[in-house]
Amino acid sequence: MPPESLITYPSPFPIKVMGTKVDGLVHAITLIAHQFDPTFDASLIELRESKGGKYLGVTITVTATSREQLDELYRTLSTHPLVKVVL
């Protein structure tokens, strides 16, 4: 029997994405978020620059509907060439 999920579905789920601060990073993350959550609201994206200004932290909040959805979203974000880390 699989362990019970600590997340109640559906629920808002924040994901922090770190990438090199380049044109297109936020747009790419937004497109991926919409792919997994059609109700994704891009106006809620939070941005935070690194001290040196080389990296950008992008926090998105998606509506989590299943463990599989979140796993696939993390995998898709993690493999994007502009993304360094997904937390």
PDB file of N, CA and C in Angstrom:
ATOM      1  N   MET A   1       0.845  -1.181   0.000  1.00  0.00           N
ATOM      2  CA  MET A   1       0.000   0.000   0.000  1.00  0.00           C
ATOM      3  C   MET A   1       0.894   1.249   0.000  1.00  0.00           C
ATOM      4  N   PRO A   2       0.695   2.167  -0.973  1.00  0.00           N
ATOM      5  CA  PRO A   2       1.545   3.365  -1.027  1.00  0.00           C
ATOM      6  C   PRO A   2       1.278   4.287   0.157  1.00  0.00           C
ATOM      7  N   PRO A   3       2.305   5.028   0.588  1.00  0.00           N
ATOM      8  CA  PRO A   3       2.099   5.947   1.699  1.00  0.00           C
ATOM      9  C   PRO A   3       1.115   7.043   1.313  1.00  0.00           C
ATOM     10  N   GLU A   4       0.382   7.544   2.325  1.00  0.00           N
ATOM     11  CA  GLU A   4      -0.573   8.607   2.062  1.00  0.00           C
ATOM     12  C   GLU A   4       0.158   9.880   1.679  1.00  0.00           C
ATOM     13  N   SER A   5      -0.429  10.628   0.789  1.00  0.00           N
ATOM     14  CA  SER A   5       0.173  11.883   0.349  1.00  0.00           C
ATOM     15  C   SER A   5       0.032  12.933   1.444  1.00  0.00           C
ATOM     16  N   LEU A   6       1.063  13.776   1.583  1.00  0.00           N
ATOM     17  CA  LEU A   6       1.010  14.882   2.529  1.00  0.00           C
ATOM     18  C   LEU A   6       0.293  16.080   1.922  1.00  0.00           C
ATOM     19  N   ILE A   7       0.007  15.996   0.637  1.00  0.00           N
ATOM     20  CA  ILE A   7      -0.669  17.072  -0.071  1.00  0.00           C
ATOM     21  C   ILE A   7      -2.113  16.673  -0.329  1.00  0.00           C
ATOM     22  N   THR A   8      -3.026  17.597  -0.081  1.00  0.00           N
ATOM     23  CA  THR A   8      -4.421  17.378  -0.429  1.00  0.00           C
ATOM     24  C   THR A   8      -4.632  17.926  -1.832  1.00  0.00           C
ATOM     25  N   TYR A   9      -5.194  17.116  -2.705  1.00  0.00           N
ATOM     26  CA  TYR A   9      -5.424  17.552  -4.089  1.00  0.00           C
ATOM     27  C   TYR A   9      -6.884  17.892  -4.292  1.00  0.00           C
ATOM     28  N   PRO A  10      -7.190  18.908  -5.092  1.00  0.00           N
ATOM     29  CA  PRO A  10      -6.277  19.906  -5.661  1.00  0.00           C
ATOM     30  C   PRO A  10      -5.917  20.965  -4.608  1.00  0.00           C
ATOM     31  N   SER A  11      -4.717  21.538  -4.746  1.00  0.00           N
ATOM     32  CA  SER A  11      -4.304  22.611  -3.845  1.00  0.00           C
ATOM     33  C   SER A  11      -3.216  23.461  -4.486  1.00  0.00           C
ATOM     34  N   PRO A  12      -3.101  24.728  -4.047  1.00  0.00           N
ATOM     35  CA  PRO A  12      -2.032  25.581  -4.563  1.00  0.00           C
ATOM     36  C   PRO A  12      -0.689  25.029  -4.115  1.00  0.00           C
ATOM     37  N   PHE A  13       0.278  24.988  -5.023  1.00  0.00           N
ATOM     38  CA  PHE A  13       1.570  24.393  -4.717  1.00  0.00           C
ATOM     39  C   PHE A  13       2.679  25.277  -5.283  1.00  0.00           C
ATOM     40  N   PRO A  14       3.458  25.941  -4.409  1.00  0.00           N
ATOM     41  CA  PRO A  14       4.537  26.800  -4.902  1.00  0.00           C
ATOM     42  C   PRO A  14       5.765  25.984  -5.301  1.00  0.00           C
ATOM     43  N   ILE A  15       6.391  26.389  -6.394  1.00  0.00           N
ATOM     44  CA  ILE A  15       7.609  25.753  -6.884  1.00  0.00           C
ATOM     45  C   ILE A  15       8.614  26.856  -7.180  1.00  0.00           C
ATOM     46  N   LYS A  16       9.830  26.701  -6.651  1.00  0.00           N
ATOM     47  CA  LYS A  16      10.878  27.683  -6.909  1.00  0.00           C
ATOM     48  C   LYS A  16      11.808  27.145  -7.986  1.00  0.00           C
ATOM     49  N   VAL A  17      12.019  27.958  -9.011  1.00  0.00           N
ATOM     50  CA  VAL A  17      12.861  27.576 -10.139  1.00  0.00           C
ATOM     51  C   VAL A  17      14.017  28.569 -10.210  1.00  0.00           C
ATOM     52  N   MET A  18      15.242  28.059 -10.249  1.00  0.00           N
ATOM     53  CA  MET A  18      16.416  28.922 -10.363  1.00  0.00           C
ATOM     54  C   MET A  18      17.028  28.721 -11.747  1.00  0.00           C
ATOM     55  N   GLY A  19      17.378  29.845 -12.368  1.00  0.00           N
ATOM     56  CA  GLY A  19      18.001  29.761 -13.677  1.00  0.00           C
ATOM     57  C   GLY A  19      18.897  30.952 -13.922  1.00  0.00           C
ATOM     58  N   THR A  20      19.675  30.867 -14.976  1.00  0.00           N
ATOM     59  CA  THR A  20      20.508  31.991 -15.373  1.00  0.00           C
ATOM     60  C   THR A  20      19.593  33.122 -15.812  1.00  0.00           C
ATOM     61  N   LYS A  21      19.916  34.342 -15.380  1.00  0.00           N
ATOM     62  CA  LYS A  21      19.070  35.483 -15.718  1.00  0.00           C
ATOM     63  C   LYS A  21      19.277  35.854 -17.183  1.00  0.00           C
ATOM     64  N   VAL A  22      18.413  35.303 -18.033  1.00  0.00           N
ATOM     65  CA  VAL A  22      18.473  35.568 -19.470  1.00  0.00           C
ATOM     66  C   VAL A  22      17.058  35.823 -19.979  1.00  0.00           C
ATOM     67  N   ASP A  23      16.974  36.533 -21.101  1.00  0.00           N
ATOM     68  CA  ASP A  23      15.670  36.734 -21.734  1.00  0.00           C
ATOM     69  C   ASP A  23      15.068  35.378 -22.057  1.00  0.00           C
ATOM     70  N   GLY A  24      13.803  35.234 -21.757  1.00  0.00           N
ATOM     71  CA  GLY A  24      13.117  33.991 -22.108  1.00  0.00           C
ATOM     72  C   GLY A  24      12.943  33.027 -20.957  1.00  0.00           C
ATOM     73  N   LEU A  25      13.684  33.212 -19.849  1.00  0.00           N
ATOM     74  CA  LEU A  25      13.571  32.270 -18.724  1.00  0.00           C
ATOM     75  C   LEU A  25      12.158  32.277 -18.139  1.00  0.00           C
ATOM     76  N   VAL A  26      11.660  33.445 -17.777  1.00  0.00           N
ATOM     77  CA  VAL A  26      10.330  33.537 -17.157  1.00  0.00           C
ATOM     78  C   VAL A  26       9.255  33.073 -18.140  1.00  0.00           C
ATOM     79  N   HIS A  27       9.399  33.437 -19.402  1.00  0.00           N
ATOM     80  CA  HIS A  27       8.427  33.019 -20.420  1.00  0.00           C
ATOM     81  C   HIS A  27       8.401  31.488 -20.544  1.00  0.00           C
ATOM     82  N   ALA A  28       9.575  30.882 -20.574  1.00  0.00           N
ATOM     83  CA  ALA A  28       9.658  29.417 -20.696  1.00  0.00           C
ATOM     84  C   ALA A  28       9.001  28.726 -19.498  1.00  0.00           C
ATOM     85  N   ILE A  29       9.277  29.236 -18.300  1.00  0.00           N
ATOM     86  CA  ILE A  29       8.690  28.659 -17.077  1.00  0.00           C
ATOM     87  C   ILE A  29       7.173  28.817 -17.103  1.00  0.00           C
ATOM     88  N   THR A  30       6.710  29.991 -17.551  1.00  0.00           N
ATOM     89  CA  THR A  30       5.268  30.256 -17.641  1.00  0.00           C
ATOM     90  C   THR A  30       4.592  29.282 -18.607  1.00  0.00           C
ATOM     91  N   LEU A  31       5.207  29.045 -19.769  1.00  0.00           N
ATOM     92  CA  LEU A  31       4.631  28.106 -20.743  1.00  0.00           C
ATOM     93  C   LEU A  31       4.535  26.698 -20.164  1.00  0.00           C
ATOM     94  N   ILE A  32       5.578  26.275 -19.445  1.00  0.00           N
ATOM     95  CA  ILE A  32       5.567  24.934 -18.836  1.00  0.00           C
ATOM     96  C   ILE A  32       4.488  24.860 -17.760  1.00  0.00           C
ATOM     97  N   ALA A  33       4.377  25.902 -16.938  1.00  0.00           N
ATOM     98  CA  ALA A  33       3.351  25.916 -15.882  1.00  0.00           C
ATOM     99  C   ALA A  33       1.954  25.789 -16.498  1.00  0.00           C
ATOM    100  N   HIS A  34       1.695  26.528 -17.587  1.00  0.00           N
ATOM    101  CA  HIS A  34       0.389  26.461 -18.265  1.00  0.00           C
ATOM    102  C   HIS A  34       0.127  25.080 -18.848  1.00  0.00           C
ATOM    103  N   GLN A  35       1.182  24.417 -19.280  1.00  0.00           N
ATOM    104  CA  GLN A  35       1.052  23.071 -19.851  1.00  0.00           C
ATOM    105  C   GLN A  35       0.501  22.099 -18.800  1.00  0.00           C
ATOM    106  N   PHE A  36       0.906  22.275 -17.541  1.00  0.00           N
ATOM    107  CA  PHE A  36       0.491  21.352 -16.484  1.00  0.00           C
ATOM    108  C   PHE A  36      -0.682  21.871 -15.656  1.00  0.00           C
ATOM    109  N   ASP A  37      -0.943  23.177 -15.748  1.00  0.00           N
ATOM    110  CA  ASP A  37      -2.046  23.782 -15.008  1.00  0.00           C
ATOM    111  C   ASP A  37      -2.674  24.863 -15.879  1.00  0.00           C
ATOM    112  N   PRO A  38      -3.741  24.520 -16.608  1.00  0.00           N
ATOM    113  CA  PRO A  38      -4.383  25.495 -17.506  1.00  0.00           C
ATOM    114  C   PRO A  38      -4.901  26.735 -16.772  1.00  0.00           C
ATOM    115  N   THR A  39      -5.097  26.649 -15.460  1.00  0.00           N
ATOM    116  CA  THR A  39      -5.594  27.799 -14.688  1.00  0.00           C
ATOM    117  C   THR A  39      -4.456  28.629 -14.099  1.00  0.00           C
ATOM    118  N   PHE A  40      -3.208  28.311 -14.454  1.00  0.00           N
ATOM    119  CA  PHE A  40      -2.041  29.011 -13.907  1.00  0.00           C
ATOM    120  C   PHE A  40      -2.160  30.522 -14.116  1.00  0.00           C
ATOM    121  N   ASP A  41      -1.919  31.276 -13.045  1.00  0.00           N
ATOM    122  CA  ASP A  41      -2.014  32.744 -13.089  1.00  0.00           C
ATOM    123  C   ASP A  41      -0.607  33.342 -13.054  1.00  0.00           C
ATOM    124  N   ALA A  42      -0.134  33.786 -14.209  1.00  0.00           N
ATOM    125  CA  ALA A  42       1.223  34.315 -14.330  1.00  0.00           C
ATOM    126  C   ALA A  42       1.422  35.609 -13.537  1.00  0.00           C
ATOM    127  N   SER A  43       0.326  36.283 -13.165  1.00  0.00           N
ATOM    128  CA  SER A  43       0.467  37.527 -12.404  1.00  0.00           C
ATOM    129  C   SER A  43       0.956  37.258 -10.977  1.00  0.00           C
ATOM    130  N   LEU A  44       0.916  36.004 -10.553  1.00  0.00           N
ATOM    131  CA  LEU A  44       1.356  35.645  -9.195  1.00  0.00           C
ATOM    132  C   LEU A  44       2.820  35.203  -9.142  1.00  0.00           C
ATOM    133  N   ILE A  45       3.507  35.244 -10.273  1.00  0.00           N
ATOM    134  CA  ILE A  45       4.919  34.851 -10.304  1.00  0.00           C
ATOM    135  C   ILE A  45       5.734  35.811  -9.453  1.00  0.00           C
ATOM    136  N   GLU A  46       6.624  35.246  -8.631  1.00  0.00           N
ATOM    137  CA  GLU A  46       7.527  36.072  -7.827  1.00  0.00           C
ATOM    138  C   GLU A  46       8.940  35.905  -8.375  1.00  0.00           C
ATOM    139  N   LEU A  47       9.639  37.037  -8.528  1.00  0.00           N
ATOM    140  CA  LEU A  47      11.002  37.014  -9.055  1.00  0.00           C
ATOM    141  C   LEU A  47      11.973  37.512  -7.998  1.00  0.00           C
ATOM    142  N   ARG A  48      13.125  36.875  -7.928  1.00  0.00           N
ATOM    143  CA  ARG A  48      14.168  37.309  -7.010  1.00  0.00           C
ATOM    144  C   ARG A  48      15.531  37.113  -7.657  1.00  0.00           C
ATOM    145  N   GLU A  49      16.243  38.208  -7.809  1.00  0.00           N
ATOM    146  CA  GLU A  49      17.565  38.165  -8.421  1.00  0.00           C
ATOM    147  C   GLU A  49      18.609  37.732  -7.397  1.00  0.00           C
ATOM    148  N   SER A  50      19.640  37.024  -7.867  1.00  0.00           N
ATOM    149  CA  SER A  50      20.751  36.667  -6.981  1.00  0.00           C
ATOM    150  C   SER A  50      21.556  37.921  -6.675  1.00  0.00           C
ATOM    151  N   LYS A  51      22.376  37.863  -5.621  1.00  0.00           N
ATOM    152  CA  LYS A  51      23.177  39.028  -5.231  1.00  0.00           C
ATOM    153  C   LYS A  51      24.032  39.550  -6.370  1.00  0.00           C
ATOM    154  N   GLY A  52      24.640  38.657  -7.110  1.00  0.00           N
ATOM    155  CA  GLY A  52      25.501  39.068  -8.213  1.00  0.00           C
ATOM    156  C   GLY A  52      24.746  39.416  -9.488  1.00  0.00           C
ATOM    157  N   GLY A  53      23.442  39.107  -9.512  1.00  0.00           N
ATOM    158  CA  GLY A  53      22.624  39.419 -10.677  1.00  0.00           C
ATOM    159  C   GLY A  53      22.722  38.425 -11.821  1.00  0.00           C
ATOM    160  N   LYS A  54      23.471  37.323 -11.608  1.00  0.00           N
ATOM    161  CA  LYS A  54      23.643  36.342 -12.683  1.00  0.00           C
ATOM    162  C   LYS A  54      22.464  35.365 -12.763  1.00  0.00           C
ATOM    163  N   TYR A  55      21.822  35.110 -11.620  1.00  0.00           N
ATOM    164  CA  TYR A  55      20.740  34.128 -11.570  1.00  0.00           C
ATOM    165  C   TYR A  55      19.429  34.794 -11.167  1.00  0.00           C
ATOM    166  N   LEU A  56      18.341  34.115 -11.507  1.00  0.00           N
ATOM    167  CA  LEU A  56      17.013  34.603 -11.170  1.00  0.00           C
ATOM    168  C   LEU A  56      16.227  33.466 -10.533  1.00  0.00           C
ATOM    169  N   GLY A  57      15.630  33.756  -9.382  1.00  0.00           N
ATOM    170  CA  GLY A  57      14.729  32.809  -8.738  1.00  0.00           C
ATOM    171  C   GLY A  57      13.313  33.149  -9.160  1.00  0.00           C
ATOM    172  N   VAL A  58      12.587  32.160  -9.653  1.00  0.00           N
ATOM    173  CA  VAL A  58      11.225  32.361 -10.131  1.00  0.00           C
ATOM    174  C   VAL A  58      10.319  31.429  -9.336  1.00  0.00           C
ATOM    175  N   THR A  59       9.420  32.000  -8.541  1.00  0.00           N
ATOM    176  CA  THR A  59       8.486  31.170  -7.785  1.00  0.00           C
ATOM    177  C   THR A  59       7.141  31.188  -8.492  1.00  0.00           C
ATOM    178  N   ILE A  60       6.687  29.991  -8.866  1.00  0.00           N
ATOM    179  CA  ILE A  60       5.374  29.846  -9.496  1.00  0.00           C
ATOM    180  C   ILE A  60       4.484  29.071  -8.538  1.00  0.00           C
ATOM    181  N   THR A  61       3.201  29.336  -8.585  1.00  0.00           N
ATOM    182  CA  THR A  61       2.255  28.572  -7.782  1.00  0.00           C
ATOM    183  C   THR A  61       1.252  27.938  -8.730  1.00  0.00           C
ATOM    184  N   VAL A  62       1.287  26.612  -8.781  1.00  0.00           N
ATOM    185  CA  VAL A  62       0.379  25.865  -9.656  1.00  0.00           C
ATOM    186  C   VAL A  62      -0.698  25.203  -8.798  1.00  0.00           C
ATOM    187  N   THR A  63      -1.784  24.821  -9.440  1.00  0.00           N
ATOM    188  CA  THR A  63      -2.801  24.026  -8.767  1.00  0.00           C
ATOM    189  C   THR A  63      -2.411  22.564  -8.940  1.00  0.00           C
ATOM    190  N   ALA A  64      -1.962  21.966  -7.842  1.00  0.00           N
ATOM    191  CA  ALA A  64      -1.544  20.559  -7.882  1.00  0.00           C
ATOM    192  C   ALA A  64      -2.784  19.678  -7.891  1.00  0.00           C
ATOM    193  N   THR A  65      -2.849  18.774  -8.863  1.00  0.00           N
ATOM    194  CA  THR A  65      -3.999  17.877  -8.959  1.00  0.00           C
ATOM    195  C   THR A  65      -3.641  16.419  -8.688  1.00  0.00           C
ATOM    196  N   SER A  66      -2.331  16.085  -8.731  1.00  0.00           N
ATOM    197  CA  SER A  66      -1.911  14.712  -8.445  1.00  0.00           C
ATOM    198  C   SER A  66      -0.399  14.663  -8.265  1.00  0.00           C
ATOM    199  N   ARG A  67       0.062  13.611  -7.661  1.00  0.00           N
ATOM    200  CA  ARG A  67       1.505  13.390  -7.501  1.00  0.00           C
ATOM    201  C   ARG A  67       2.168  13.252  -8.873  1.00  0.00           C
ATOM    202  N   GLU A  68       1.482  12.559  -9.774  1.00  0.00           N
ATOM    203  CA  GLU A  68       2.007  12.349 -11.128  1.00  0.00           C
ATOM    204  C   GLU A  68       2.188  13.689 -11.850  1.00  0.00           C
ATOM    205  N   GLN A  69       1.212  14.572 -11.701  1.00  0.00           N
ATOM    206  CA  GLN A  69       1.305  15.899 -12.333  1.00  0.00           C
ATOM    207  C   GLN A  69       2.529  16.647 -11.812  1.00  0.00           C
ATOM    208  N   LEU A  70       2.717  16.645 -10.494  1.00  0.00           N
ATOM    209  CA  LEU A  70       3.856  17.357  -9.902  1.00  0.00           C
ATOM    210  C   LEU A  70       5.181  16.732 -10.324  1.00  0.00           C
ATOM    211  N   ASP A  71       5.257  15.407 -10.331  1.00  0.00           N
ATOM    212  CA  ASP A  71       6.484  14.718 -10.758  1.00  0.00           C
ATOM    213  C   ASP A  71       6.848  15.098 -12.190  1.00  0.00           C
ATOM    214  N   GLU A  72       5.848  15.093 -13.054  1.00  0.00           N
ATOM    215  CA  GLU A  72       6.070  15.411 -14.471  1.00  0.00           C
ATOM    216  C   GLU A  72       6.448  16.888 -14.633  1.00  0.00           C
ATOM    217  N   LEU A  73       5.823  17.762 -13.862  1.00  0.00           N
ATOM    218  CA  LEU A  73       6.138  19.190 -13.910  1.00  0.00           C
ATOM    219  C   LEU A  73       7.579  19.434 -13.471  1.00  0.00           C
ATOM    220  N   TYR A  74       7.985  18.811 -12.353  1.00  0.00           N
ATOM    221  CA  TYR A  74       9.372  18.935 -11.884  1.00  0.00           C
ATOM    222  C   TYR A  74      10.356  18.421 -12.929  1.00  0.00           C
ATOM    223  N   ARG A  75      10.027  17.287 -13.534  1.00  0.00           N
ATOM    224  CA  ARG A  75      10.905  16.679 -14.549  1.00  0.00           C
ATOM    225  C   ARG A  75      11.038  17.620 -15.756  1.00  0.00           C
ATOM    226  N   THR A  76       9.931  18.170 -16.205  1.00  0.00           N
ATOM    227  CA  THR A  76       9.942  19.055 -17.376  1.00  0.00           C
ATOM    228  C   THR A  76      10.726  20.331 -17.077  1.00  0.00           C
ATOM    229  N   LEU A  77      10.500  20.923 -15.909  1.00  0.00           N
ATOM    230  CA  LEU A  77      11.243  22.127 -15.537  1.00  0.00           C
ATOM    231  C   LEU A  77      12.736  21.827 -15.405  1.00  0.00           C
ATOM    232  N   SER A  78      13.064  20.732 -14.744  1.00  0.00           N
ATOM    233  CA  SER A  78      14.465  20.373 -14.472  1.00  0.00           C
ATOM    234  C   SER A  78      15.271  20.126 -15.733  1.00  0.00           C
ATOM    235  N   THR A  79      14.612  19.659 -16.784  1.00  0.00           N
ATOM    236  CA  THR A  79      15.339  19.327 -18.008  1.00  0.00           C
ATOM    237  C   THR A  79      15.394  20.499 -18.999  1.00  0.00           C
ATOM    238  N   HIS A  80      14.759  21.622 -18.657  1.00  0.00           N
ATOM    239  CA  HIS A  80      14.806  22.785 -19.553  1.00  0.00           C
ATOM    240  C   HIS A  80      16.214  23.367 -19.530  1.00  0.00           C
ATOM    241  N   PRO A  81      16.773  23.708 -20.689  1.00  0.00           N
ATOM    242  CA  PRO A  81      18.159  24.172 -20.751  1.00  0.00           C
ATOM    243  C   PRO A  81      18.451  25.483 -19.974  1.00  0.00           C
ATOM    244  N   LEU A  82      17.447  26.317 -19.747  1.00  0.00           N
ATOM    245  CA  LEU A  82      17.678  27.571 -19.023  1.00  0.00           C
ATOM    246  C   LEU A  82      17.581  27.400 -17.505  1.00  0.00           C
ATOM    247  N   VAL A  83      17.072  26.255 -17.068  1.00  0.00           N
ATOM    248  CA  VAL A  83      16.826  26.018 -15.644  1.00  0.00           C
ATOM    249  C   VAL A  83      18.019  25.302 -15.004  1.00  0.00           C
ATOM    250  N   LYS A  84      18.436  25.795 -13.841  1.00  0.00           N
ATOM    251  CA  LYS A  84      19.543  25.177 -13.093  1.00  0.00           C
ATOM    252  C   LYS A  84      19.029  24.268 -11.982  1.00  0.00           C
ATOM    253  N   VAL A  85      18.049  24.752 -11.202  1.00  0.00           N
ATOM    254  CA  VAL A  85      17.560  24.012 -10.036  1.00  0.00           C
ATOM    255  C   VAL A  85      16.049  24.201  -9.900  1.00  0.00           C
ATOM    256  N   VAL A  86      15.356  23.153  -9.456  1.00  0.00           N
ATOM    257  CA  VAL A  86      13.926  23.243  -9.153  1.00  0.00           C
ATOM    258  C   VAL A  86      13.723  22.753  -7.726  1.00  0.00           C
ATOM    259  N   LEU A  87      13.110  23.606  -6.900  1.00  0.00           N
ATOM    260  CA  LEU A  87      12.866  23.252  -5.483  1.00  0.00           C
ATOM    261  C   LEU A  87      11.387  23.248  -5.180  1.00  0.00           C
TER     262      LEU A  87
END
